């Protein structure tokens, strides 16, 4: 985690509040988060005593933020900053001016953008996204980007129940939204924002072999939200 980057950002942007989730780590992560919270009043933390995995950690963090905060928008962001923090205003502006319920990062390599992604992940991701589009019946390009922002009034509805999948909770969130509001509403109110910058960070726990879990996880989602 790039501690100083977060501290500098909230100091310059006091309207932003960060809630870090410590997922049962046994190193000094909790101590670091406690020190950050003391340094900046708009930094908080949620300490989970045991490791519950990313999906559940994100779910608990989102619900905690919704209960403890009066923010208009609540989202989650990978702490490794694969998506830089300066992208945040682009997300908030899309919701405030365009009225979207959800804005999710889209890692689209193109001229003028800095999208640095390993080839194997890119091509596996394209195959996976195509399959997801067929399953959910919406033209989604990138489900797995770790930067997403939601209108706060949608958070409890979407995150209240535990996820049935651990790896594809991003897809499950889309499936839940579609189940609650319908496909047509989803197409009009969920926006994939093409990031200007994104970079693979060494040490990611998601490996290429994890994509092999996709078909079974998608089958569980389709069966649960049909």
C-alpha atoms as a PDB file:
ATOM      1  CA  UNK A   1       0.000   0.000   0.000  1.00  0.00           C
ATOM      2  CA  UNK A   2       1.345   3.427  -0.980  1.00  0.00           C
ATOM      3  CA  UNK A   3       0.710   5.107   2.351  1.00  0.00           C
ATOM      4  CA  UNK A   4       1.996   8.582   1.537  1.00  0.00           C
ATOM      5  CA  UNK A   5       0.029   8.772  -1.713  1.00  0.00           C
ATOM      6  CA  UNK A   6      -3.218   8.310   0.204  1.00  0.00           C
ATOM      7  CA  UNK A   7      -2.214  10.788   2.908  1.00  0.00           C
ATOM      8  CA  UNK A   8      -1.277  13.447   0.361  1.00  0.00           C
ATOM      9  CA  UNK A   9      -4.486  12.889  -1.597  1.00  0.00           C
ATOM     10  CA  UNK A  10      -6.895  13.324   1.314  1.00  0.00           C
ATOM     11  CA  UNK A  11      -4.982  16.360   2.515  1.00  0.00           C
ATOM     12  CA  UNK A  12      -5.520  18.010  -0.876  1.00  0.00           C
ATOM     13  CA  UNK A  13      -9.058  16.636  -1.243  1.00  0.00           C
ATOM     14  CA  UNK A  14     -10.748  16.900   2.190  1.00  0.00           C
ATOM     15  CA  UNK A  15     -14.130  15.964   0.703  1.00  0.00           C
ATOM     16  CA  UNK A  16     -12.811  12.436   0.076  1.00  0.00           C
ATOM     17  CA  UNK A  17     -12.911   9.857   2.869  1.00  0.00           C
ATOM     18  CA  UNK A  18     -10.970   6.591   2.672  1.00  0.00           C
ATOM     19  CA  UNK A  19     -11.971   3.501   4.632  1.00  0.00           C
ATOM     20  CA  UNK A  20      -9.308   0.788   4.610  1.00  0.00           C
ATOM     21  CA  UNK A  21     -10.275  -2.809   5.361  1.00  0.00           C
ATOM     22  CA  UNK A  22      -7.684  -4.894   7.144  1.00  0.00           C
ATOM     23  CA  UNK A  23      -8.569  -8.456   6.158  1.00  0.00           C
ATOM     24  CA  UNK A  24      -7.135 -10.333   9.132  1.00  0.00           C
ATOM     25  CA  UNK A  25      -3.515  -9.575   8.259  1.00  0.00           C
ATOM     26  CA  UNK A  26      -0.827 -10.746  10.675  1.00  0.00           C
ATOM     27  CA  UNK A  27       1.802  -8.156   9.729  1.00  0.00           C
ATOM     28  CA  UNK A  28       1.897  -4.478  10.724  1.00  0.00           C
ATOM     29  CA  UNK A  29      -0.961  -3.425   8.422  1.00  0.00           C
ATOM     30  CA  UNK A  30      -3.328  -2.608  11.293  1.00  0.00           C
ATOM     31  CA  UNK A  31      -0.702  -0.468  12.982  1.00  0.00           C
ATOM     32  CA  UNK A  32      -0.069   1.421   9.742  1.00  0.00           C
ATOM     33  CA  UNK A  33      -3.792   2.070   9.280  1.00  0.00           C
ATOM     34  CA  UNK A  34      -4.144   3.272  12.864  1.00  0.00           C
ATOM     35  CA  UNK A  35      -1.295   5.737  12.348  1.00  0.00           C
ATOM     36  CA  UNK A  36      -2.828   6.994   9.093  1.00  0.00           C
ATOM     37  CA  UNK A  37      -6.178   7.521  10.801  1.00  0.00           C
ATOM     38  CA  UNK A  38      -4.472   9.575  13.508  1.00  0.00           C
ATOM     39  CA  UNK A  39      -2.729  11.704  10.885  1.00  0.00           C
ATOM     40  CA  UNK A  40      -5.825  12.424   8.795  1.00  0.00           C
ATOM     41  CA  UNK A  41      -9.386  12.678  10.073  1.00  0.00           C
ATOM     42  CA  UNK A  42     -10.853  11.588   6.742  1.00  0.00           C
ATOM     43  CA  UNK A  43      -9.069   8.239   6.853  1.00  0.00           C
ATOM     44  CA  UNK A  44     -10.689   5.370   8.725  1.00  0.00           C
ATOM     45  CA  UNK A  45     -10.276   1.624   8.934  1.00  0.00           C
ATOM     46  CA  UNK A  46     -12.274  -1.529   9.504  1.00  0.00           C
ATOM     47  CA  UNK A  47     -10.377  -4.331  11.202  1.00  0.00           C
ATOM     48  CA  UNK A  48     -11.511  -7.885  10.455  1.00  0.00           C
ATOM     49  CA  UNK A  49     -10.093 -10.300  13.008  1.00  0.00           C
ATOM     50  CA  UNK A  50      -9.881 -13.229  10.581  1.00  0.00           C
ATOM     51  CA  UNK A  51      -9.148 -13.354   6.876  1.00  0.00           C
ATOM     52  CA  UNK A  52     -12.393 -13.532   4.895  1.00  0.00           C
ATOM     53  CA  UNK A  53     -11.107 -12.967   1.346  1.00  0.00           C
ATOM     54  CA  UNK A  54     -11.460  -9.986  -0.982  1.00  0.00           C
ATOM     55  CA  UNK A  55     -15.135 -10.423  -1.839  1.00  0.00           C
ATOM     56  CA  UNK A  56     -16.321 -10.483   1.765  1.00  0.00           C
ATOM     57  CA  UNK A  57     -13.840  -7.790   2.836  1.00  0.00           C
ATOM     58  CA  UNK A  58     -15.163  -5.482   0.121  1.00  0.00           C
ATOM     59  CA  UNK A  59     -18.768  -6.284   1.066  1.00  0.00           C
ATOM     60  CA  UNK A  60     -18.221  -5.535   4.743  1.00  0.00           C
ATOM     61  CA  UNK A  61     -16.269  -2.393   3.924  1.00  0.00           C
ATOM     62  CA  UNK A  62     -19.000  -1.060   1.636  1.00  0.00           C
ATOM     63  CA  UNK A  63     -21.742  -1.748   4.196  1.00  0.00           C
ATOM     64  CA  UNK A  64     -19.690  -0.151   6.966  1.00  0.00           C
ATOM     65  CA  UNK A  65     -19.124   2.932   4.820  1.00  0.00           C
ATOM     66  CA  UNK A  66     -22.832   3.149   4.013  1.00  0.00           C
ATOM     67  CA  UNK A  67     -23.776   2.932   7.696  1.00  0.00           C
ATOM     68  CA  UNK A  68     -21.121   5.298   9.029  1.00  0.00           C
ATOM     69  CA  UNK A  69     -21.034   7.924   6.273  1.00  0.00           C
ATOM     70  CA  UNK A  70     -23.424  10.332   4.609  1.00  0.00           C
ATOM     71  CA  UNK A  71     -21.505  10.435   1.324  1.00  0.00           C
ATOM     72  CA  UNK A  72     -23.426  10.642  -1.937  1.00  0.00           C
ATOM     73  CA  UNK A  73     -21.155   8.071  -3.564  1.00  0.00           C
ATOM     74  CA  UNK A  74     -19.404   5.029  -2.134  1.00  0.00           C
ATOM     75  CA  UNK A  75     -16.992   2.789  -3.982  1.00  0.00           C
ATOM     76  CA  UNK A  76     -14.036   0.475  -3.708  1.00  0.00           C
ATOM     77  CA  UNK A  77     -10.518   0.912  -5.024  1.00  0.00           C
ATOM     78  CA  UNK A  78      -7.540  -1.451  -5.014  1.00  0.00           C
ATOM     79  CA  UNK A  79      -5.015  -0.326  -2.405  1.00  0.00           C
ATOM     80  CA  UNK A  80      -2.128  -1.108  -4.778  1.00  0.00           C
ATOM     81  CA  UNK A  81      -3.309   1.871  -6.864  1.00  0.00           C
ATOM     82  CA  UNK A  82      -3.306   0.047 -10.178  1.00  0.00           C
ATOM     83  CA  UNK A  83      -5.888   2.743 -10.898  1.00  0.00           C
ATOM     84  CA  UNK A  84      -4.417   6.089  -9.745  1.00  0.00           C
ATOM     85  CA  UNK A  85      -6.358   8.208  -7.296  1.00  0.00           C
ATOM     86  CA  UNK A  86      -6.542  11.151  -9.695  1.00  0.00           C
ATOM     87  CA  UNK A  87      -9.119   9.144 -11.657  1.00  0.00           C
ATOM     88  CA  UNK A  88     -11.633   9.487  -8.788  1.00  0.00           C
ATOM     89  CA  UNK A  89     -13.115  12.859  -9.920  1.00  0.00           C
ATOM     90  CA  UNK A  90     -13.857  11.355 -13.326  1.00  0.00           C
ATOM     91  CA  UNK A  91     -16.017   8.711 -11.614  1.00  0.00           C
ATOM     92  CA  UNK A  92     -17.846  11.163  -9.354  1.00  0.00           C
ATOM     93  CA  UNK A  93     -18.506  13.584 -12.209  1.00  0.00           C
ATOM     94  CA  UNK A  94     -20.142  10.871 -14.303  1.00  0.00           C
ATOM     95  CA  UNK A  95     -22.584  10.093 -11.503  1.00  0.00           C
ATOM     96  CA  UNK A  96     -23.269  13.703 -10.529  1.00  0.00           C
ATOM     97  CA  UNK A  97     -23.728  15.030 -14.070  1.00  0.00           C
ATOM     98  CA  UNK A  98     -24.983  11.980 -15.967  1.00  0.00           C
ATOM     99  CA  UNK A  99     -26.956  10.325 -13.191  1.00  0.00           C
ATOM    100  CA  UNK A 100     -25.473   6.822 -13.459  1.00  0.00           C
ATOM    101  CA  UNK A 101     -26.041   4.439 -10.542  1.00  0.00           C
ATOM    102  CA  UNK A 102     -22.709   2.667 -11.029  1.00  0.00           C
ATOM    103  CA  UNK A 103     -19.483   3.719 -12.722  1.00  0.00           C
ATOM    104  CA  UNK A 104     -16.876   1.012 -13.179  1.00  0.00           C
ATOM    105  CA  UNK A 105     -13.361   1.289 -14.549  1.00  0.00           C
ATOM    106  CA  UNK A 106     -12.695   0.052 -18.074  1.00  0.00           C
ATOM    107  CA  UNK A 107      -9.114  -0.950 -18.903  1.00  0.00           C
ATOM    108  CA  UNK A 108      -9.126  -0.182 -22.615  1.00  0.00           C
ATOM    109  CA  UNK A 109      -5.728   0.146 -24.283  1.00  0.00           C
ATOM    110  CA  UNK A 110      -5.863   3.003 -26.784  1.00  0.00           C
ATOM    111  CA  UNK A 111      -3.884   5.931 -28.144  1.00  0.00           C
ATOM    112  CA  UNK A 112      -3.453   8.679 -25.576  1.00  0.00           C
ATOM    113  CA  UNK A 113      -4.067   6.416 -22.573  1.00  0.00           C
ATOM    114  CA  UNK A 114      -1.554   4.594 -20.384  1.00  0.00           C
ATOM    115  CA  UNK A 115      -2.993   1.110 -19.926  1.00  0.00           C
ATOM    116  CA  UNK A 116      -0.242  -1.341 -19.073  1.00  0.00           C
ATOM    117  CA  UNK A 117      -1.613  -4.861 -18.825  1.00  0.00           C
ATOM    118  CA  UNK A 118       0.046  -8.241 -19.363  1.00  0.00           C
ATOM    119  CA  UNK A 119      -0.950  -9.785 -22.679  1.00  0.00           C
ATOM    120  CA  UNK A 120      -2.129 -13.074 -21.216  1.00  0.00           C
ATOM    121  CA  UNK A 121      -4.464 -11.289 -18.796  1.00  0.00           C
ATOM    122  CA  UNK A 122      -5.756  -9.019 -21.526  1.00  0.00           C
ATOM    123  CA  UNK A 123      -6.714 -11.855 -23.882  1.00  0.00           C
ATOM    124  CA  UNK A 124      -8.114 -14.064 -21.136  1.00  0.00           C
ATOM    125  CA  UNK A 125     -10.058 -11.051 -19.907  1.00  0.00           C
ATOM    126  CA  UNK A 126     -11.545 -10.445 -23.342  1.00  0.00           C
ATOM    127  CA  UNK A 127     -12.716 -14.049 -23.621  1.00  0.00           C
ATOM    128  CA  UNK A 128     -14.128 -13.916 -20.118  1.00  0.00           C
ATOM    129  CA  UNK A 129     -15.959 -10.611 -20.646  1.00  0.00           C
ATOM    130  CA  UNK A 130     -17.540 -11.946 -23.829  1.00  0.00           C
ATOM    131  CA  UNK A 131     -18.830 -14.936 -21.902  1.00  0.00           C
ATOM    132  CA  UNK A 132     -20.172 -12.698 -19.122  1.00  0.00           C
ATOM    133  CA  UNK A 133     -21.978 -10.559 -21.716  1.00  0.00           C
ATOM    134  CA  UNK A 134     -23.690 -13.664 -23.053  1.00  0.00           C
ATOM    135  CA  UNK A 135     -24.660 -14.861 -19.570  1.00  0.00           C
ATOM    136  CA  UNK A 136     -25.978 -11.506 -18.304  1.00  0.00           C
ATOM    137  CA  UNK A 137     -27.312 -10.286 -21.680  1.00  0.00           C
ATOM    138  CA  UNK A 138     -25.558  -6.919 -21.345  1.00  0.00           C
ATOM    139  CA  UNK A 139     -22.586  -5.700 -23.439  1.00  0.00           C
ATOM    140  CA  UNK A 140     -20.002  -5.499 -20.655  1.00  0.00           C
ATOM    141  CA  UNK A 141     -16.346  -5.096 -21.657  1.00  0.00           C
ATOM    142  CA  UNK A 142     -14.443  -5.306 -18.350  1.00  0.00           C
ATOM    143  CA  UNK A 143     -16.012  -6.702 -15.182  1.00  0.00           C
ATOM    144  CA  UNK A 144     -12.884  -7.233 -13.091  1.00  0.00           C
ATOM    145  CA  UNK A 145     -11.400  -3.746 -12.775  1.00  0.00           C
ATOM    146  CA  UNK A 146     -10.908  -2.967  -9.084  1.00  0.00           C
ATOM    147  CA  UNK A 147     -12.190   0.613  -9.300  1.00  0.00           C
ATOM    148  CA  UNK A 148     -15.966   1.047  -8.941  1.00  0.00           C
ATOM    149  CA  UNK A 149     -18.234   3.788  -7.637  1.00  0.00           C
ATOM    150  CA  UNK A 150     -21.923   3.531  -6.634  1.00  0.00           C
ATOM    151  CA  UNK A 151     -24.696   5.908  -5.676  1.00  0.00           C
ATOM    152  CA  UNK A 152     -24.875   5.466  -1.940  1.00  0.00           C
ATOM    153  CA  UNK A 153     -28.581   4.591  -1.976  1.00  0.00           C
ATOM    154  CA  UNK A 154     -27.786   1.467  -4.010  1.00  0.00           C
ATOM    155  CA  UNK A 155     -25.049   0.125  -1.721  1.00  0.00           C
ATOM    156  CA  UNK A 156     -27.105  -1.621   0.962  1.00  0.00           C
ATOM    157  CA  UNK A 157     -29.348  -3.241  -1.633  1.00  0.00           C
ATOM    158  CA  UNK A 158     -26.404  -4.625  -3.636  1.00  0.00           C
ATOM    159  CA  UNK A 159     -24.087  -5.579  -0.763  1.00  0.00           C
ATOM    160  CA  UNK A 160     -26.494  -6.675   1.975  1.00  0.00           C
ATOM    161  CA  UNK A 161     -26.297 -10.400   1.214  1.00  0.00           C
ATOM    162  CA  UNK A 162     -23.001 -12.371   1.172  1.00  0.00           C
ATOM    163  CA  UNK A 163     -21.702 -13.248  -2.263  1.00  0.00           C
ATOM    164  CA  UNK A 164     -22.075 -16.799  -3.505  1.00  0.00           C
ATOM    165  CA  UNK A 165     -18.765 -16.515  -5.377  1.00  0.00           C
ATOM    166  CA  UNK A 166     -15.383 -15.362  -4.111  1.00  0.00           C
ATOM    167  CA  UNK A 167     -13.569 -14.582  -7.332  1.00  0.00           C
ATOM    168  CA  UNK A 168     -16.404 -13.191  -9.469  1.00  0.00           C
ATOM    169  CA  UNK A 169     -18.187 -10.939  -6.996  1.00  0.00           C
ATOM    170  CA  UNK A 170     -17.890  -8.070  -9.520  1.00  0.00           C
ATOM    171  CA  UNK A 171     -19.981 -10.093 -11.963  1.00  0.00           C
ATOM    172  CA  UNK A 172     -22.370 -11.024  -9.189  1.00  0.00           C
ATOM    173  CA  UNK A 173     -22.915  -7.341  -8.418  1.00  0.00           C
ATOM    174  CA  UNK A 174     -24.001  -6.805 -12.027  1.00  0.00           C
ATOM    175  CA  UNK A 175     -26.272  -9.846 -11.807  1.00  0.00           C
ATOM    176  CA  UNK A 176     -27.860  -8.484  -8.623  1.00  0.00           C
ATOM    177  CA  UNK A 177     -28.449  -5.079 -10.184  1.00  0.00           C
ATOM    178  CA  UNK A 178     -30.062  -6.678 -13.235  1.00  0.00           C
ATOM    179  CA  UNK A 179     -32.261  -8.869 -11.038  1.00  0.00           C
ATOM    180  CA  UNK A 180     -33.442  -5.853  -9.022  1.00  0.00           C
ATOM    181  CA  UNK A 181     -33.861  -3.330 -11.852  1.00  0.00           C
ATOM    182  CA  UNK A 182     -33.923  -5.230 -15.147  1.00  0.00           C
ATOM    183  CA  UNK A 183     -31.630  -5.430 -18.174  1.00  0.00           C
ATOM    184  CA  UNK A 184     -32.876  -2.258 -19.852  1.00  0.00           C
ATOM    185  CA  UNK A 185     -32.356  -0.192 -16.697  1.00  0.00           C
ATOM    186  CA  UNK A 186     -28.872  -1.678 -16.250  1.00  0.00           C
ATOM    187  CA  UNK A 187     -27.865  -0.707 -19.786  1.00  0.00           C
ATOM    188  CA  UNK A 188     -28.882   2.893 -19.127  1.00  0.00           C
ATOM    189  CA  UNK A 189     -27.587   3.288 -15.564  1.00  0.00           C
ATOM    190  CA  UNK A 190     -24.280   1.409 -15.407  1.00  0.00           C
ATOM    191  CA  UNK A 191     -21.356   3.050 -17.177  1.00  0.00           C
ATOM    192  CA  UNK A 192     -17.950   1.616 -18.005  1.00  0.00           C
ATOM    193  CA  UNK A 193     -15.528   4.526 -17.847  1.00  0.00           C
ATOM    194  CA  UNK A 194     -12.385   4.138 -20.027  1.00  0.00           C
ATOM    195  CA  UNK A 195      -9.518   4.790 -17.626  1.00  0.00           C
ATOM    196  CA  UNK A 196      -6.737   7.116 -18.704  1.00  0.00           C
ATOM    197  CA  UNK A 197      -4.211   5.169 -16.655  1.00  0.00           C
ATOM    198  CA  UNK A 198      -4.012   1.650 -15.273  1.00  0.00           C
ATOM    199  CA  UNK A 199      -1.031  -0.590 -14.625  1.00  0.00           C
ATOM    200  CA  UNK A 200      -0.563  -4.206 -13.583  1.00  0.00           C
ATOM    201  CA  UNK A 201       1.023  -4.224 -10.140  1.00  0.00           C
ATOM    202  CA  UNK A 202       3.429  -7.017  -9.268  1.00  0.00           C
ATOM    203  CA  UNK A 203       2.243  -9.249  -6.460  1.00  0.00           C
ATOM    204  CA  UNK A 204      -1.380  -9.520  -7.527  1.00  0.00           C
ATOM    205  CA  UNK A 205      -3.020 -12.589  -6.024  1.00  0.00           C
ATOM    206  CA  UNK A 206      -5.107 -13.225  -9.146  1.00  0.00           C
ATOM    207  CA  UNK A 207      -3.260 -15.600 -11.477  1.00  0.00           C
ATOM    208  CA  UNK A 208      -4.000 -16.605 -15.059  1.00  0.00           C
ATOM    209  CA  UNK A 209      -5.012 -20.078 -13.833  1.00  0.00           C
ATOM    210  CA  UNK A 210      -7.777 -18.483 -11.764  1.00  0.00           C
ATOM    211  CA  UNK A 211      -9.635 -17.807 -15.011  1.00  0.00           C
ATOM    212  CA  UNK A 212     -10.203 -21.567 -15.181  1.00  0.00           C
ATOM    213  CA  UNK A 213     -12.582 -21.171 -12.248  1.00  0.00           C
ATOM    214  CA  UNK A 214     -14.701 -18.799 -14.303  1.00  0.00           C
ATOM    215  CA  UNK A 215     -17.150 -21.203 -15.993  1.00  0.00           C
ATOM    216  CA  UNK A 216     -18.253 -22.837 -12.736  1.00  0.00           C
ATOM    217  CA  UNK A 217     -18.511 -19.498 -10.933  1.00  0.00           C
ATOM    218  CA  UNK A 218     -20.567 -18.053 -13.801  1.00  0.00           C
ATOM    219  CA  UNK A 219     -22.839 -21.090 -13.724  1.00  0.00           C
ATOM    220  CA  UNK A 220     -23.492 -20.495 -10.014  1.00  0.00           C
ATOM    221  CA  UNK A 221     -24.293 -16.840 -10.673  1.00  0.00           C
ATOM    222  CA  UNK A 222     -26.606 -17.612 -13.574  1.00  0.00           C
ATOM    223  CA  UNK A 223     -28.446 -20.243 -11.548  1.00  0.00           C
ATOM    224  CA  UNK A 224     -28.817 -17.960  -8.501  1.00  0.00           C
ATOM    225  CA  UNK A 225     -29.983 -14.824 -10.324  1.00  0.00           C
ATOM    226  CA  UNK A 226     -32.024 -16.194 -13.223  1.00  0.00           C
END
